[in-house]
């Protein structure tokens, strides 16, 4: 079975659309929650522990928003690859991405080997 088959493309497009819907809904809720928190002024905080907790939660929320936005971009790119019938091929080596990997991560752009190499190289640069 190949991901390029029409039935597979339809299946993965549905998976991507479903994930996109969940992310957009979560993103909306998270952004709306941040807006509500930001309307509470800092003088309403009664001690530094509350303020530190609020700042920490704000950092987590902003990180979550960034991750969701990144995933939405990946989903958009995967949908474009489906439209151009390039979906399912690794963007690095060109080999077919395993269907099990695509099932679990339909927006992925790379096969396991290339993704692993990329992450190891990134880790080496950071060290």
Protein backbone atom coordinates (compact mmCIF):
# COMPACT_ATOMS: atom_id res chain seq x y z
CA UNK A 1 0.00 0.00 0.00
CA UNK A 2 1.31 3.40 -0.94
CA UNK A 3 0.31 6.76 0.52
CA UNK A 4 0.04 8.14 -3.01
CA UNK A 5 -3.06 6.07 -3.74
CA UNK A 6 -6.20 8.18 -4.04
CA UNK A 7 -7.89 6.39 -1.14
CA UNK A 8 -4.87 6.97 1.06
CA UNK A 9 -4.70 10.62 0.11
CA UNK A 10 -8.38 11.02 1.02
CA UNK A 11 -7.83 9.17 4.31
CA UNK A 12 -4.83 11.29 5.30
CA UNK A 13 -6.56 14.49 4.24
CA UNK A 14 -9.39 13.62 6.63
CA UNK A 15 -6.88 12.94 9.42
CA UNK A 16 -5.19 16.26 8.78
CA UNK A 17 -8.47 18.18 8.67
CA UNK A 18 -9.59 16.56 11.92
CA UNK A 19 -6.33 17.44 13.67
CA UNK A 20 -6.49 20.97 12.26
CA UNK A 21 -10.00 21.40 13.67
CA UNK A 22 -8.90 20.21 17.14
CA UNK A 23 -5.86 22.49 17.11
CA UNK A 24 -7.81 25.56 15.99
CA UNK A 25 -10.42 24.98 18.69
CA UNK A 26 -7.74 24.49 21.37
CA UNK A 27 -5.80 27.50 20.13
CA UNK A 28 -8.90 29.68 20.26
CA UNK A 29 -9.68 28.55 23.81
CA UNK A 30 -6.11 29.08 24.95
CA UNK A 31 -5.84 32.54 23.42
CA UNK A 32 -9.22 33.52 24.85
CA UNK A 33 -8.06 32.28 28.27
CA UNK A 34 -4.87 34.34 28.06
CA UNK A 35 -6.88 37.42 27.13
CA UNK A 36 -9.07 36.87 30.21
CA UNK A 37 -6.02 36.50 32.46
CA UNK A 38 -4.40 39.61 31.01
CA UNK A 39 -7.47 41.67 31.90
CA UNK A 40 -6.76 41.00 35.58
CA UNK A 41 -4.29 43.62 36.70
CA UNK A 42 -1.13 42.69 38.59
CA UNK A 43 -2.29 44.60 41.68
CA UNK A 44 -4.97 41.92 42.08
CA UNK A 45 -2.18 39.43 42.85
CA UNK A 46 -1.85 39.13 46.61
CA UNK A 47 1.64 37.69 46.92
CA UNK A 48 4.76 36.91 44.94
CA UNK A 49 3.96 33.18 44.79
CA UNK A 50 0.70 33.96 43.01
CA UNK A 51 2.52 36.30 40.65
CA UNK A 52 5.25 33.71 39.95
CA UNK A 53 2.60 31.08 39.31
CA UNK A 54 0.75 33.37 36.93
CA UNK A 55 3.94 34.22 35.04
CA UNK A 56 4.87 30.52 34.82
CA UNK A 57 1.42 29.62 33.47
CA UNK A 58 1.63 32.47 30.99
CA UNK A 59 4.96 31.12 29.71
CA UNK A 60 3.47 27.63 29.35
CA UNK A 61 0.48 29.03 27.47
CA UNK A 62 2.64 31.00 25.06
CA UNK A 63 4.83 27.94 24.43
CA UNK A 64 1.70 25.85 23.77
CA UNK A 65 0.40 28.45 21.34
CA UNK A 66 3.70 28.42 19.45
CA UNK A 67 3.68 24.61 19.22
CA UNK A 68 0.07 24.59 17.98
CA UNK A 69 0.81 27.26 15.38
CA UNK A 70 3.85 25.27 14.20
CA UNK A 71 1.76 22.12 13.89
CA UNK A 72 -0.91 24.02 11.94
CA UNK A 73 1.80 25.14 9.50
CA UNK A 74 2.96 21.52 9.15
CA UNK A 75 -0.63 20.44 8.50
CA UNK A 76 -1.01 23.12 5.84
CA UNK A 77 2.19 21.97 4.14
CA UNK A 78 1.04 18.32 4.28
CA UNK A 79 -2.28 19.28 2.68
CA UNK A 80 -0.40 21.05 -0.11
CA UNK A 81 1.71 17.92 -0.66
CA UNK A 82 -1.49 15.86 -0.92
CA UNK A 83 -2.89 18.28 -3.51
CA UNK A 84 0.31 18.02 -5.55
CA UNK A 85 0.45 14.21 -5.08
CA UNK A 86 3.80 14.41 -3.26
CA UNK A 87 2.43 13.37 0.12
CA UNK A 88 4.07 10.40 1.77
CA UNK A 89 7.56 10.97 0.39
CA UNK A 90 10.35 12.11 2.69
CA UNK A 91 11.37 15.67 1.85
CA UNK A 92 15.00 14.82 2.54
CA UNK A 93 15.73 11.45 0.91
CA UNK A 94 12.61 11.10 -1.27
CA UNK A 95 11.81 7.62 0.03
CA UNK A 96 8.28 6.57 0.92
CA UNK A 97 7.40 7.36 4.57
CA UNK A 98 6.11 4.31 6.41
CA UNK A 99 2.30 4.24 6.53
CA UNK A 100 2.32 3.54 10.29
CA UNK A 101 4.33 6.74 10.80
CA UNK A 102 1.91 8.70 8.62
CA UNK A 103 -1.04 7.27 10.56
CA UNK A 104 0.40 8.43 13.87
CA UNK A 105 1.83 11.72 12.56
CA UNK A 106 0.02 12.61 9.32
CA UNK A 107 1.72 16.01 9.02
CA UNK A 108 5.23 14.55 9.13
CA UNK A 109 7.58 15.51 6.31
CA UNK A 110 10.39 13.07 6.96
CA UNK A 111 10.96 9.34 7.26
CA UNK A 112 12.20 8.00 10.60
CA UNK A 113 15.85 7.80 9.47
CA UNK A 114 15.99 11.37 8.17
CA UNK A 115 14.09 12.75 11.18
CA UNK A 116 16.50 10.95 13.52
CA UNK A 117 19.52 12.31 11.63
CA UNK A 118 18.07 15.82 11.74
CA UNK A 119 17.40 15.64 15.48
CA UNK A 120 20.88 14.25 16.23
CA UNK A 121 22.49 17.00 14.16
CA UNK A 122 20.37 19.64 15.93
CA UNK A 123 21.30 18.17 19.31
CA UNK A 124 25.01 18.25 18.41
CA UNK A 125 24.77 21.92 17.42
CA UNK A 126 23.09 22.79 20.72
CA UNK A 127 25.78 21.06 22.78
